[in-house]
Amino acid sequence: LITARDNWTGTRVQWSPLGSYMCTFHRPGLALWGGPEFKKLMRVVHPFITHAEFSPSEQYLVTFSSEPISTEAVDKMLGAEEQHQNPFTADDEGHSVCIWNVRTGTLMRSFALPMNKDGTPVKTTWPQFKWSPSEKYFARMTHGSSISIYEAPSMALLDKKSMKVAGIQDFSWCPRVLEDTRTGAARPEMLAYWTPEEGNLPARVTVMAVPSREVVRTKNLFSVFSASLHWHPSGKMMCVRVQRYTKSKKSRFTNLEIFRTGERDVPVDVVELTDSAVAFDWEPTCDNYRFAILHTDDPTPPPTNANGIAMSAVKTNVSFYAFERKGKLVKKEGYALLKTLPNKTTTSLKWSPHGRHIVLATMRTVTTCTLEFYDADFDQTAATKSGNPGDAISLLESAEHYSITELEWDPSGRYVVTSASAWRQLADTGYILWDFKGQQLQKIDIEDFKQFLWRPRPQSLLSEEQKRTIRKDLKSYSRAFDEQDERRLHAADAELMSQRRRLVSEWETWRTQVAELLAAETDKALADGYKLPIAADNEDFVVEEIVEEIIEEKEEFI
């Protein structure tokens, strides 16, 4: 245990993306804690904060409060002695979103919520602002009308105007700044968004460069019900999960439109499903851009109670796909189905942060609470024999966690925690710690348990090429490390033997001193006429003890 404090937060806690800070939420605002002893590093004055979001490198912090800013109310809350800590001015009146510099605690700018023409707030989602990976830009969407892109640190609107995008439903930044494959120079940052069908115009997915706003790639879509954007962590792939109507309009199915954003001209691969995909997750570190989807014939979610717990489980299937490059055995490159796991009740799937292992979980349901731990590269012998990489996908362990509501991998990919939060249910709250193979390591029941969060780790400083080289030469590294371990073990053994000899020597020295002292005191006592006890005259005594033992006992009836 590093540290523990009572009443440390008012509602919940939150980590920054790299784990440098821990946020606690309070009525007057938010506090940032860090360092070896988690001391308070900064205080953010923004009353009634409900949400907070860091920029990717933790340079900026965005906060949201449902209560519009009132400088008078903040002065009153701080009191006369601390009114100088009020960061707001008359220009911030009525605003709800604030952006802060994390290193200095300075308020960079505040924003009001977008409003409709009739004065009502426009439909918004959290996070209010989404950051580019370089933190040079951040943007927010006015649902159905525009995207506003701002520059940092000036906080000014890019080109002094918002970009009109009629009908826009969602947008997302590419998570990495990509390099040009020919020159190695950094490419412009990219932003993707989608718009629905309107009249005779089809739905459209657009990938745009920033700051030039140049369109990199578009794709028209038809009979679209909804769409979701899923970037691969490398930024070299983006999947658009498109829910489409059948011709009869009575049912829906899913197409996966996969944009290869890391390649020239951004080719698009299409994976057509016969049913509806309700969840999608990229494997973070796989070279063949493997992903898993959760799909079902009935995408309608089951009824839930007031806390979001489903009253029944729905039958689902889980399928794995991977990208195949053109070669001797592959005539046309693209995505291929590896394996389908049918007749599951899975509601959530999560890959390990380091790939290969995945957990299929049935969460937030009353009737079922199963966990299945899979290794996607376990049985390589079977995969080689059949020629299908999907045959390597193997179930390692099945388990249950009654009332499970959350599942989180630790950053190393070695452990998984499943938890039951009192925010969603009142009974059997607590958490269970598992290893990546599905072995239960620890179960902790905590009354009124709320939240479990792993502390994030910073990204590795090694490039992907360096990581591949290390994995390739791992045996040579292992031998060197084994030799170091053996030397340290011998050194530890030698130190232990030396310590034991020292302790024995100290014991013998003390025993000799005590014996000499006892002999001297005995001689002095005898000289003074003291008589030793009989036992001290070296007379032998024989003590006999008789023990009776029953060998056998018989009862005879006459």
Protein backbone atom coordinates (compact mmCIF):
# COMPACT_ATOMS: atom_id res chain seq x y z
CA LEU A 1 0.00 0.00 0.00
CA ILE A 2 1.46 3.37 -1.04
CA THR A 3 -1.02 5.64 0.71
CA ALA A 4 -4.66 5.74 1.83
CA ARG A 5 -6.79 8.64 3.06
CA ASP A 6 -10.32 9.07 4.27
CA ASN A 7 -12.59 11.44 2.36
CA TRP A 8 -9.97 11.83 -0.35
CA THR A 9 -12.56 12.50 -3.05
CA GLY A 10 -16.13 13.68 -3.17
CA THR A 11 -17.46 11.43 -5.92
CA ARG A 12 -14.84 9.47 -7.89
CA VAL A 13 -11.20 9.38 -9.03
CA GLN A 14 -9.60 9.47 -12.48
CA TRP A 15 -6.08 8.91 -13.84
CA SER A 16 -4.39 11.04 -16.46
CA PRO A 17 -3.50 9.19 -19.72
CA LEU A 18 0.17 8.62 -18.79
CA GLY A 19 -0.48 8.03 -15.08
CA SER A 20 1.31 11.21 -13.93
CA TYR A 21 -1.70 12.60 -12.09
CA MET A 22 -4.68 11.35 -10.14
CA CYS A 23 -7.79 13.55 -10.15
CA THR A 24 -10.22 13.81 -7.28
CA PHE A 25 -13.60 15.51 -7.70
CA HIS A 26 -15.03 17.90 -5.12
CA ARG A 27 -17.80 20.48 -4.85
CA PRO A 28 -15.44 23.49 -5.35
CA GLY A 29 -13.60 21.83 -8.25
CA LEU A 30 -10.88 19.31 -8.91
CA ALA A 31 -7.50 18.44 -7.37
CA LEU A 32 -4.47 16.83 -9.03
CA TRP A 33 -2.21 14.55 -6.98
CA GLY A 34 1.13 13.00 -7.88
CA GLY A 35 4.68 12.21 -6.88
CA PRO A 36 5.95 9.30 -4.75
CA GLU A 37 3.64 10.19 -1.85
CA PHE A 38 0.73 11.54 -3.94
CA LYS A 39 0.85 15.08 -2.67
CA LYS A 40 -1.52 17.74 -3.99
CA LEU A 41 0.07 19.35 -7.04
CA MET A 42 -2.69 21.62 -8.28
CA ARG A 43 -6.20 22.81 -7.50
CA VAL A 44 -8.72 23.64 -10.23
CA VAL A 45 -11.51 25.97 -9.15
CA HIS A 46 -14.58 25.04 -11.19
CA PRO A 47 -17.64 24.38 -8.98
CA PHE A 48 -19.68 21.22 -9.47
CA ILE A 49 -17.33 19.54 -11.96
CA THR A 50 -18.85 16.37 -13.36
CA HIS A 51 -16.39 15.49 -16.15
CA ALA A 52 -12.67 15.97 -16.84
CA GLU A 53 -10.51 14.96 -19.78
CA PHE A 54 -6.75 15.30 -20.34
CA SER A 55 -5.02 15.91 -23.63
CA PRO A 56 -2.93 12.92 -24.83
CA SER A 57 0.38 14.18 -23.38
CA GLU A 58 -1.23 15.65 -20.24
CA GLN A 59 -0.42 19.26 -21.14
CA TYR A 60 -4.05 20.42 -21.01
CA LEU A 61 -7.11 19.54 -18.94
CA VAL A 62 -10.72 20.06 -20.03
CA THR A 63 -13.39 20.30 -17.32
CA PHE A 64 -17.17 20.44 -17.56
CA SER A 65 -19.76 21.58 -15.05
CA SER A 66 -23.51 21.44 -15.42
CA GLU A 67 -23.66 24.71 -13.48
CA PRO A 68 -22.74 27.73 -15.70
CA ILE A 69 -19.91 29.86 -14.33
CA SER A 70 -20.86 32.74 -12.05
CA THR A 71 -17.94 34.83 -10.72
CA GLU A 72 -20.07 36.07 -7.85
CA ALA A 73 -21.01 32.53 -6.81
CA VAL A 74 -17.37 31.42 -7.01
CA ASP A 75 -16.27 34.37 -4.82
CA LYS A 76 -18.92 33.47 -2.28
CA MET A 77 -17.89 29.82 -2.26
CA LEU A 78 -14.18 30.63 -1.81
CA GLY A 79 -14.77 33.18 0.92
CA ALA A 80 -13.25 36.60 1.45
CA GLU A 81 -9.75 35.26 2.25
CA GLU A 82 -9.46 33.17 -0.93
CA GLN A 83 -11.30 35.27 -3.50
CA HIS A 84 -7.96 35.98 -5.16
CA GLN A 85 -7.94 32.32 -6.29
CA ASN A 86 -11.01 32.87 -8.48
CA PRO A 87 -9.69 32.31 -12.05
CA PHE A 88 -12.82 33.61 -13.81
CA THR A 89 -13.64 37.02 -15.21
CA ALA A 90 -16.75 38.60 -16.70
CA ASP A 91 -15.84 37.01 -20.07
CA ASP A 92 -16.34 33.55 -18.53
CA GLU A 93 -19.86 34.22 -17.22
CA GLY A 94 -22.38 31.55 -18.26
CA HIS A 95 -19.75 29.19 -19.70
CA SER A 96 -19.61 25.51 -18.73
CA VAL A 97 -16.42 24.12 -20.31
CA CYS A 98 -12.90 25.19 -19.28
CA ILE A 99 -9.43 24.35 -20.61
CA TRP A 100 -6.50 24.55 -18.16
CA ASN A 101 -2.73 24.36 -18.50
CA VAL A 102 -1.82 21.40 -16.29
CA ARG A 103 1.76 22.54 -15.59
CA THR A 104 0.85 26.07 -14.47
CA GLY A 105 -2.79 25.72 -13.43
CA THR A 106 -3.70 28.64 -15.69
CA LEU A 107 -7.17 28.91 -17.21
CA MET A 108 -6.50 29.00 -20.95
CA ARG A 109 -10.07 29.59 -22.13
CA SER A 110 -13.68 28.84 -21.27
CA PHE A 111 -16.47 27.89 -23.67
CA ALA A 112 -20.25 28.08 -23.61
CA LEU A 113 -22.33 25.11 -24.69
CA PRO A 114 -23.61 25.29 -28.29
CA MET A 115 -27.18 26.53 -28.52
CA ASN A 116 -30.03 25.98 -30.96
CA LYS A 117 -31.83 28.89 -32.56
CA ASP A 118 -34.59 28.58 -29.95
CA GLY A 119 -32.06 28.97 -27.11
CA THR A 120 -32.00 25.34 -26.00
CA PRO A 121 -28.64 23.51 -25.66
CA VAL A 122 -27.55 21.50 -28.70
CA LYS A 123 -27.22 17.75 -28.18
CA THR A 124 -23.64 17.17 -27.01
CA THR A 125 -21.54 14.22 -25.91
CA TRP A 126 -18.49 13.82 -23.70
CA PRO A 127 -15.70 14.54 -24.26
CA GLN A 128 -16.72 18.02 -25.37
CA PHE A 129 -13.38 18.45 -27.12
CA LYS A 130 -11.26 15.81 -28.83
CA TRP A 131 -7.50 16.32 -29.11
CA SER A 132 -5.15 15.58 -31.97
CA PRO A 133 -2.22 13.31 -30.99
CA SER A 134 0.27 16.19 -31.18
CA GLU A 135 -1.93 18.42 -28.97
CA LYS A 136 -1.59 21.18 -31.58
CA TYR A 137 -5.31 21.03 -32.34
CA PHE A 138 -8.53 20.23 -30.56
CA ALA A 139 -12.05 20.17 -31.95
CA ARG A 140 -15.67 19.84 -31.03
CA MET A 141 -18.76 19.08 -33.04
CA THR A 142 -22.02 20.96 -33.17
CA HIS A 143 -24.31 18.02 -33.82
CA GLY A 144 -25.78 18.13 -37.29
CA SER A 145 -24.10 21.32 -38.50
CA SER A 146 -20.35 21.91 -38.05
CA ILE A 147 -16.90 21.08 -36.65
CA SER A 148 -14.91 23.76 -34.83
CA ILE A 149 -11.13 23.16 -34.82
CA TYR A 150 -8.98 25.21 -32.43
CA GLU A 151 -5.22 25.67 -32.17
CA ALA A 152 -3.13 25.29 -29.04
CA PRO A 153 -1.74 27.06 -27.12
CA SER A 154 -3.47 30.13 -28.61
CA MET A 155 -6.91 28.52 -28.18
CA ALA A 156 -8.00 30.38 -31.30
CA LEU A 157 -10.35 29.00 -33.94
CA LEU A 158 -8.43 27.59 -36.91
CA ASP A 159 -8.73 29.98 -39.86
CA LYS A 160 -11.12 32.00 -37.67
CA LYS A 161 -14.15 29.99 -38.76
CA SER A 162 -15.89 26.68 -38.12
CA MET A 163 -16.21 24.11 -40.89
CA LYS A 164 -19.81 23.63 -42.02
CA VAL A 165 -20.66 19.91 -42.32
CA ALA A 166 -24.39 19.40 -42.79
CA GLY A 167 -25.77 16.52 -40.76
CA ILE A 168 -22.49 15.53 -39.08
CA GLN A 169 -23.05 12.78 -36.50
CA ASP A 170 -19.59 11.94 -35.15
CA PHE A 171 -15.89 12.59 -35.70
CA SER A 172 -12.59 11.22 -34.44
CA TRP A 173 -8.88 12.10 -34.69
CA CYS A 174 -6.28 9.66 -35.99
CA PRO A 175 -4.47 8.59 -32.76
CA ARG A 176 -0.95 8.90 -34.22
CA VAL A 177 1.00 11.28 -36.43
CA LEU A 178 1.93 9.04 -39.36
CA GLU A 179 5.11 9.17 -41.41
CA ASP A 180 5.34 9.36 -45.19
CA THR A 181 6.39 5.89 -46.39
CA ARG A 182 8.70 7.37 -49.06
CA THR A 183 10.35 10.34 -47.34
CA GLY A 184 9.91 9.47 -43.65
CA ALA A 185 8.61 12.98 -42.95
CA ALA A 186 5.62 13.50 -40.65
CA ARG A 187 2.31 13.61 -42.47
CA PRO A 188 -0.45 16.09 -41.60
CA GLU A 189 -2.74 15.01 -38.80
CA MET A 190 -6.03 13.43 -39.87
CA LEU A 191 -9.61 13.70 -38.72
CA ALA A 192 -12.49 11.44 -39.82
CA TYR A 193 -16.22 12.13 -39.67
CA TRP A 194 -19.45 10.75 -41.10
CA THR A 195 -22.72 12.24 -42.28
CA PRO A 196 -26.05 10.42 -42.82
CA GLU A 197 -28.19 10.21 -45.94
CA GLU A 198 -30.22 13.29 -46.74
CA GLY A 199 -32.65 13.32 -49.64
CA ASN A 200 -30.85 11.96 -52.69
CA LEU A 201 -27.42 12.42 -51.09
CA PRO A 202 -25.80 9.22 -49.74
CA ALA A 203 -24.23 8.85 -46.33
CA ARG A 204 -20.54 9.64 -46.42
CA VAL A 205 -17.36 8.92 -44.47
CA THR A 206 -14.63 11.54 -44.92
CA VAL A 207 -10.97 11.52 -43.89
CA MET A 208 -9.54 15.05 -43.78
CA ALA A 209 -6.03 16.49 -43.26
CA VAL A 210 -5.50 19.19 -40.63
CA PRO A 211 -4.75 22.10 -40.75
CA SER A 212 -5.19 22.25 -44.54
CA ARG A 213 -8.70 20.70 -44.38
CA GLU A 214 -7.82 18.83 -47.54
CA VAL A 215 -9.98 15.73 -48.11
CA VAL A 216 -7.76 12.64 -48.06
CA ARG A 217 -10.45 10.03 -48.78
CA THR A 218 -14.24 9.75 -48.93
CA LYS A 219 -16.58 6.78 -49.19
CA ASN A 220 -20.27 6.95 -50.05
CA LEU A 221 -22.64 4.60 -48.19
CA PHE A 222 -26.27 3.69 -48.79
CA SER A 223 -29.20 2.50 -46.64
CA VAL A 224 -27.32 3.54 -43.50
CA PHE A 225 -28.96 3.36 -40.09
CA SER A 226 -25.89 4.35 -38.01
CA ALA A 227 -22.09 4.27 -38.07
CA SER A 228 -19.23 4.11 -35.56
CA LEU A 229 -15.58 5.08 -36.07
CA HIS A 230 -12.85 2.79 -34.68
CA TRP A 231 -9.19 3.80 -35.16
CA HIS A 232 -6.44 1.24 -34.72
CA PRO A 233 -3.99 2.50 -32.03
CA SER A 234 -1.25 2.73 -34.68
CA GLY A 235 -3.41 5.10 -36.76
CA LYS A 236 -2.75 3.01 -39.89
CA MET A 237 -6.24 1.49 -40.01
CA MET A 238 -9.71 2.84 -39.34
CA CYS A 239 -12.83 0.71 -39.26
CA VAL A 240 -16.24 2.25 -39.84
CA ARG A 241 -18.86 -0.10 -38.40
CA VAL A 242 -21.91 0.66 -40.55
CA GLN A 243 -25.38 -0.55 -39.56
CA ARG A 244 -27.43 -0.84 -42.75
CA TYR A 245 -31.03 -1.64 -43.63
CA THR A 246 -31.97 -4.58 -45.78
CA LYS A 247 -34.00 -3.85 -48.91
CA SER A 248 -37.23 -4.54 -47.05
CA LYS A 249 -36.21 -2.08 -44.27
CA LYS A 250 -37.47 -4.65 -41.74
CA SER A 251 -34.07 -5.79 -40.46
CA ARG A 252 -30.47 -4.59 -40.27
CA PHE A 253 -27.02 -5.94 -40.99
CA THR A 254 -23.46 -4.63 -40.69
CA ASN A 255 -20.71 -3.74 -43.12
CA LEU A 256 -17.19 -3.03 -41.90
CA GLU A 257 -15.55 -0.39 -44.08
CA ILE A 258 -11.83 -0.54 -43.26
CA PHE A 259 -9.71 2.42 -44.40
CA ARG A 260 -5.98 1.70 -44.75
CA THR A 261 -4.94 5.20 -43.73
CA GLY A 262 -1.27 4.27 -43.49
CA GLU A 263 -1.08 3.55 -47.24
CA ARG A 264 -1.02 5.82 -50.25
CA ASP A 265 -4.46 6.77 -51.63
CA VAL A 266 -6.10 5.07 -48.58
CA PRO A 267 -7.56 1.83 -50.02
CA VAL A 268 -10.81 0.62 -48.42
CA ASP A 269 -11.59 -3.03 -47.61
CA VAL A 270 -15.16 -4.15 -47.03
CA VAL A 271 -16.20 -6.98 -44.70
CA GLU A 272 -19.86 -7.89 -45.20
CA LEU A 273 -21.77 -9.57 -42.41
CA THR A 274 -25.18 -11.22 -42.56
CA ASP A 275 -26.13 -10.02 -39.07
CA SER A 276 -25.44 -6.97 -36.88
CA ALA A 277 -22.13 -6.25 -35.17
CA VAL A 278 -22.78 -4.70 -31.77
CA ALA A 279 -19.16 -4.42 -30.56
CA PHE A 280 -15.75 -4.06 -32.19
CA ASP A 281 -12.22 -4.15 -30.74
CA TRP A 282 -8.82 -3.92 -32.46
CA GLU A 283 -5.94 -6.03 -31.21
CA PRO A 284 -3.54 -3.23 -30.19
CA THR A 285 -0.16 -4.65 -31.22
CA CYS A 286 -0.72 -7.24 -33.95
CA ASP A 287 1.14 -6.74 -37.25
CA ASN A 288 -1.74 -8.18 -39.27
CA TYR A 289 -4.27 -5.74 -37.73
CA ARG A 290 -6.42 -8.45 -36.21
CA PHE A 291 -9.76 -7.54 -34.65
CA ALA A 292 -12.70 -9.19 -32.93
CA ILE A 293 -16.38 -8.40 -33.35
CA LEU A 294 -19.48 -9.30 -31.40
CA HIS A 295 -22.47 -9.91 -33.67
CA THR A 296 -26.03 -11.12 -33.33
CA ASP A 297 -29.20 -11.65 -35.33
CA ASP A 298 -31.13 -9.35 -33.00
CA PRO A 299 -29.28 -6.07 -32.30
CA THR A 300 -32.10 -4.78 -30.07
CA PRO A 301 -30.68 -4.62 -26.53
CA PRO A 302 -32.64 -6.44 -23.81
CA PRO A 303 -34.65 -4.43 -21.25
CA THR A 304 -32.64 -3.05 -18.34
CA ASN A 305 -33.40 -1.83 -14.83
CA ALA A 306 -32.77 1.69 -13.54
CA ASN A 307 -29.04 0.94 -13.02
CA GLY A 308 -28.47 -0.38 -16.54
CA ILE A 309 -28.46 -4.09 -15.62
CA ALA A 310 -30.04 -6.26 -18.34
CA MET A 311 -32.79 -8.60 -17.21
CA SER A 312 -31.71 -11.34 -19.66
CA ALA A 313 -28.78 -12.32 -21.90
CA VAL A 314 -28.88 -12.32 -25.71
CA LYS A 315 -27.31 -15.03 -27.87
CA THR A 316 -24.28 -13.63 -29.69
CA ASN A 317 -21.37 -14.80 -31.83
CA VAL A 318 -17.74 -13.70 -31.66
CA SER A 319 -15.63 -13.60 -34.84
CA PHE A 320 -11.95 -12.88 -35.46
CA TYR A 321 -10.58 -11.29 -38.64
CA ALA A 322 -7.04 -10.48 -39.81
CA PHE A 323 -5.49 -8.67 -42.75
CA GLU A 324 -3.75 -10.90 -45.29
CA ARG A 325 -1.07 -9.51 -47.57
CA LYS A 326 -0.85 -10.66 -51.18
CA GLY A 327 1.52 -13.60 -51.61
CA LYS A 328 1.92 -17.13 -52.92
CA LEU A 329 -1.07 -18.42 -50.96
CA VAL A 330 -3.09 -15.18 -51.00
CA LYS A 331 -4.19 -14.00 -54.42
CA LYS A 332 -6.04 -10.91 -53.22
CA GLU A 333 -5.03 -9.01 -50.12
CA GLY A 334 -7.69 -7.97 -47.67
CA TYR A 335 -9.45 -9.11 -44.52
CA ALA A 336 -10.22 -12.79 -43.98
CA LEU A 337 -12.30 -14.55 -41.34
CA LEU A 338 -10.11 -16.51 -38.93
CA LYS A 339 -12.63 -18.11 -36.60
CA THR A 340 -16.19 -17.75 -35.27
CA LEU A 341 -17.24 -18.73 -31.75
CA PRO A 342 -21.01 -19.34 -31.94
CA ASN A 343 -23.81 -19.37 -29.38
CA LYS A 344 -22.25 -17.14 -26.74
CA THR A 345 -23.89 -14.74 -24.31
CA THR A 346 -20.95 -12.33 -24.50
CA THR A 347 -21.72 -8.63 -24.04
CA SER A 348 -18.16 -7.25 -24.00
CA LEU A 349 -14.79 -8.19 -25.50
CA LYS A 350 -11.44 -6.68 -24.54
CA TRP A 351 -7.97 -7.38 -25.90
CA SER A 352 -4.91 -7.27 -23.70
CA PRO A 353 -2.96 -4.00 -24.10
CA HIS A 354 -0.14 -6.10 -25.55
CA GLY A 355 -2.36 -8.17 -27.80
CA ARG A 356 -2.67 -11.95 -28.24
CA HIS A 357 -4.97 -12.50 -25.24
CA ILE A 358 -8.62 -11.49 -25.14
CA VAL A 359 -11.41 -11.80 -22.56
CA LEU A 360 -15.03 -12.40 -23.57
CA ALA A 361 -17.32 -11.29 -20.76
CA THR A 362 -21.03 -11.35 -20.05
CA MET A 363 -21.46 -8.23 -17.93
CA ARG A 364 -24.30 -6.27 -16.40
CA THR A 365 -26.87 -9.01 -16.75
CA VAL A 366 -28.98 -10.63 -14.06
CA THR A 367 -28.97 -14.19 -15.38
CA THR A 368 -25.43 -14.78 -16.69
CA CYS A 369 -21.95 -13.71 -15.56
CA THR A 370 -19.37 -15.72 -17.52
CA LEU A 371 -15.76 -14.94 -18.39
CA GLU A 372 -13.78 -16.68 -21.13
CA PHE A 373 -10.03 -16.19 -21.51
CA TYR A 374 -8.66 -16.85 -25.03
CA ASP A 375 -5.16 -16.98 -26.47
CA ALA A 376 -5.23 -16.03 -30.15
CA ASP A 377 -1.79 -17.59 -30.85
CA PHE A 378 -1.87 -20.62 -28.56
CA ASP A 379 -2.05 -23.65 -30.85
CA GLN A 380 0.40 -22.78 -33.61
CA THR A 381 0.83 -26.47 -34.46
CA ALA A 382 -2.84 -26.79 -35.43
CA ALA A 383 -2.70 -23.52 -37.37
CA THR A 384 0.37 -24.65 -39.32
CA LYS A 385 -1.15 -28.05 -40.05
CA SER A 386 -4.44 -26.63 -41.36
CA GLY A 387 -3.03 -23.48 -42.93
CA ASN A 388 -5.62 -21.38 -41.12
CA PRO A 389 -4.21 -18.99 -38.46
CA GLY A 390 -7.63 -19.01 -36.77
CA ASP A 391 -7.06 -22.58 -35.54
CA ALA A 392 -4.47 -21.18 -33.13
CA ILE A 393 -7.24 -19.36 -31.20
CA SER A 394 -7.82 -21.46 -28.08
CA LEU A 395 -9.85 -21.20 -24.89
CA LEU A 396 -7.57 -21.11 -21.84
CA GLU A 397 -10.10 -20.91 -19.02
CA SER A 398 -13.76 -20.26 -18.27
CA ALA A 399 -14.87 -18.62 -15.03
CA GLU A 400 -17.70 -16.69 -13.42
CA HIS A 401 -18.00 -13.47 -11.47
CA TYR A 402 -21.48 -12.95 -10.14
CA SER A 403 -22.82 -9.41 -10.63
CA ILE A 404 -19.82 -8.28 -12.71
CA THR A 405 -20.19 -4.71 -14.00
CA GLU A 406 -16.66 -3.71 -15.12
CA LEU A 407 -13.57 -5.36 -16.62
CA GLU A 408 -10.11 -3.79 -16.92
CA TRP A 409 -6.73 -5.08 -18.15
CA ASP A 410 -3.65 -3.79 -16.38
CA PRO A 411 -1.18 -1.89 -18.63
CA SER A 412 1.32 -4.78 -18.67
CA GLY A 413 -1.27 -7.23 -20.02
CA ARG A 414 -0.50 -9.71 -17.23
CA TYR A 415 -3.57 -9.19 -15.06
CA VAL A 416 -7.30 -8.57 -15.41
CA VAL A 417 -9.65 -7.16 -12.79
CA THR A 418 -13.39 -7.73 -12.85
CA SER A 419 -15.48 -5.72 -10.43
CA ALA A 420 -19.03 -5.27 -9.19
CA SER A 421 -19.73 -1.60 -8.47
CA ALA A 422 -22.29 -0.25 -6.03
CA TRP A 423 -23.08 2.42 -8.63
CA ARG A 424 -24.96 -0.29 -10.54
CA GLN A 425 -25.98 -2.74 -7.81
CA LEU A 426 -26.00 -2.99 -4.04
CA ALA A 427 -25.17 -6.64 -3.30
CA ASP A 428 -21.92 -8.64 -3.71
CA THR A 429 -19.74 -5.61 -4.44
CA GLY A 430 -15.98 -5.96 -4.72
CA TYR A 431 -13.41 -7.15 -7.24
CA ILE A 432 -11.53 -10.25 -8.42
CA LEU A 433 -7.95 -10.28 -9.72
CA TRP A 434 -7.12 -12.77 -12.50
CA ASP A 435 -3.98 -13.49 -14.47
CA PHE A 436 -4.05 -13.43 -18.29
CA LYS A 437 -4.64 -17.22 -18.34
CA GLY A 438 -7.86 -16.91 -16.34
CA GLN A 439 -6.52 -18.16 -12.99
CA GLN A 440 -8.12 -16.40 -10.03
CA LEU A 441 -5.43 -14.80 -7.87
CA GLN A 442 -7.43 -12.81 -5.34
CA LYS A 443 -11.03 -12.04 -4.45
CA ILE A 444 -11.89 -9.03 -2.29
CA ASP A 445 -15.44 -8.32 -1.10
CA ILE A 446 -15.89 -4.66 -0.12
CA GLU A 447 -19.15 -3.22 1.09
CA ASP A 448 -20.26 -0.20 -0.96
CA PHE A 449 -17.35 -0.70 -3.40
CA LYS A 450 -17.43 1.88 -6.21
CA GLN A 451 -14.41 1.92 -8.50
CA PHE A 452 -11.22 0.11 -9.50
CA LEU A 453 -8.69 1.78 -11.84
CA TRP A 454 -5.26 0.63 -12.97
CA ARG A 455 -2.64 3.37 -13.09
CA PRO A 456 -1.69 3.91 -16.76
CA ARG A 457 1.89 3.58 -17.94
CA PRO A 458 3.66 5.95 -20.36
CA GLN A 459 4.17 4.67 -23.88
CA SER A 460 7.37 2.81 -24.63
CA LEU A 461 10.29 4.86 -25.95
CA LEU A 462 11.23 2.01 -28.28
CA SER A 463 10.07 1.96 -31.88
CA GLU A 464 8.20 -1.00 -33.33
CA GLU A 465 11.33 -2.01 -35.24
CA GLN A 466 13.38 -2.01 -32.03
CA LYS A 467 10.72 -4.10 -30.31
CA ARG A 468 10.76 -6.64 -33.15
CA THR A 469 14.56 -6.84 -32.95
CA ILE A 470 14.41 -7.46 -29.21
CA ARG A 471 11.81 -10.20 -29.63
CA LYS A 472 13.94 -11.79 -32.37
CA ASP A 473 17.09 -11.78 -30.20
CA LEU A 474 15.27 -12.63 -26.98
CA LYS A 475 17.15 -15.93 -26.50
CA SER A 476 20.54 -14.22 -26.52
CA TYR A 477 19.23 -11.62 -24.07
CA SER A 478 17.81 -14.42 -21.92
CA ARG A 479 21.19 -16.16 -21.69
CA ALA A 480 22.87 -12.95 -20.59
CA PHE A 481 20.14 -12.28 -18.02
CA ASP A 482 20.34 -15.87 -16.75
CA GLU A 483 24.08 -15.47 -16.21
CA GLN A 484 23.49 -12.24 -14.30
CA ASP A 485 20.83 -13.94 -12.20
CA GLU A 486 23.18 -16.86 -11.44
CA ARG A 487 25.99 -14.51 -10.40
CA ARG A 488 23.64 -12.59 -8.16
CA LEU A 489 22.33 -15.85 -6.71
CA HIS A 490 25.86 -17.03 -5.91
CA ALA A 491 26.65 -13.64 -4.43
CA ALA A 492 23.50 -13.85 -2.32
CA ASP A 493 24.43 -17.38 -1.18
CA ALA A 494 27.96 -16.25 -0.26
CA GLU A 495 26.56 -13.29 1.65
CA LEU A 496 24.11 -15.58 3.46
CA MET A 497 26.89 -18.03 4.46
CA SER A 498 29.06 -15.15 5.64
CA GLN A 499 26.21 -13.82 7.74
CA ARG A 500 25.57 -17.26 9.26
CA ARG A 501 29.28 -17.68 10.13
CA ARG A 502 29.26 -14.24 11.74
CA LEU A 503 26.20 -15.10 13.82
CA VAL A 504 27.71 -18.43 14.94
CA SER A 505 30.97 -16.67 15.88
CA GLU A 506 29.05 -14.04 17.86
CA TRP A 507 27.09 -16.82 19.61
CA GLU A 508 30.26 -18.75 20.54
CA THR A 509 31.92 -15.58 21.83
CA TRP A 510 28.89 -14.71 23.97
CA ARG A 511 28.66 -18.30 25.28
CA THR A 512 32.35 -18.29 26.29
CA GLN A 513 31.94 -14.95 28.07
CA VAL A 514 28.88 -16.20 29.96
CA ALA A 515 30.64 -19.44 30.94
CA GLU A 516 33.66 -17.51 32.28
CA LEU A 517 31.37 -15.15 34.19
CA LEU A 518 29.41 -18.06 35.68
CA ALA A 519 32.62 -19.85 36.74
CA ALA A 520 33.95 -16.70 38.43
CA GLU A 521 30.69 -16.11 40.32
CA THR A 522 30.58 -19.79 41.39
CA ASP A 523 34.15 -19.66 42.78
CA LYS A 524 33.37 -16.49 44.69
CA ALA A 525 30.18 -18.01 46.14
CA LEU A 526 32.03 -21.17 47.28
CA ALA A 527 34.71 -19.02 48.92
CA ASP A 528 31.96 -17.22 50.86
CA GLY A 529 30.67 -20.57 52.18
CA TYR A 530 27.83 -21.10 49.77
CA LYS A 531 26.97 -24.77 49.16
CA LEU A 532 25.94 -25.90 45.74
CA PRO A 533 22.66 -27.80 45.27
CA ILE A 534 22.79 -31.58 45.23
CA ALA A 535 22.25 -31.66 41.46
CA ALA A 536 25.39 -29.59 41.08
CA ASP A 537 27.58 -32.36 42.66
CA ASN A 538 27.34 -34.33 39.42
CA GLU A 539 25.30 -37.09 41.11
CA ASP A 540 23.19 -39.08 38.71
CA PHE A 541 19.48 -39.57 39.25
CA VAL A 542 17.40 -42.20 37.59
CA VAL A 543 13.81 -41.31 36.91
CA GLU A 544 11.54 -44.15 35.92
CA GLU A 545 8.27 -43.55 34.11
CA ILE A 546 5.86 -46.40 33.55
CA VAL A 547 3.56 -46.09 30.56
CA GLU A 548 0.78 -48.61 30.05
CA GLU A 549 -0.52 -49.15 26.53
CA ILE A 550 -3.46 -51.33 25.53
CA ILE A 551 -2.37 -53.55 22.71
CA GLU A 552 -5.62 -55.34 22.06
CA GLU A 553 -9.03 -55.45 23.69
CA LYS A 554 -11.68 -58.11 23.20
CA GLU A 555 -15.18 -58.52 24.58
CA GLU A 556 -16.78 -61.95 24.88
CA PHE A 557 -20.42 -62.53 25.64
CA ILE A 558 -21.30 -65.81 27.45
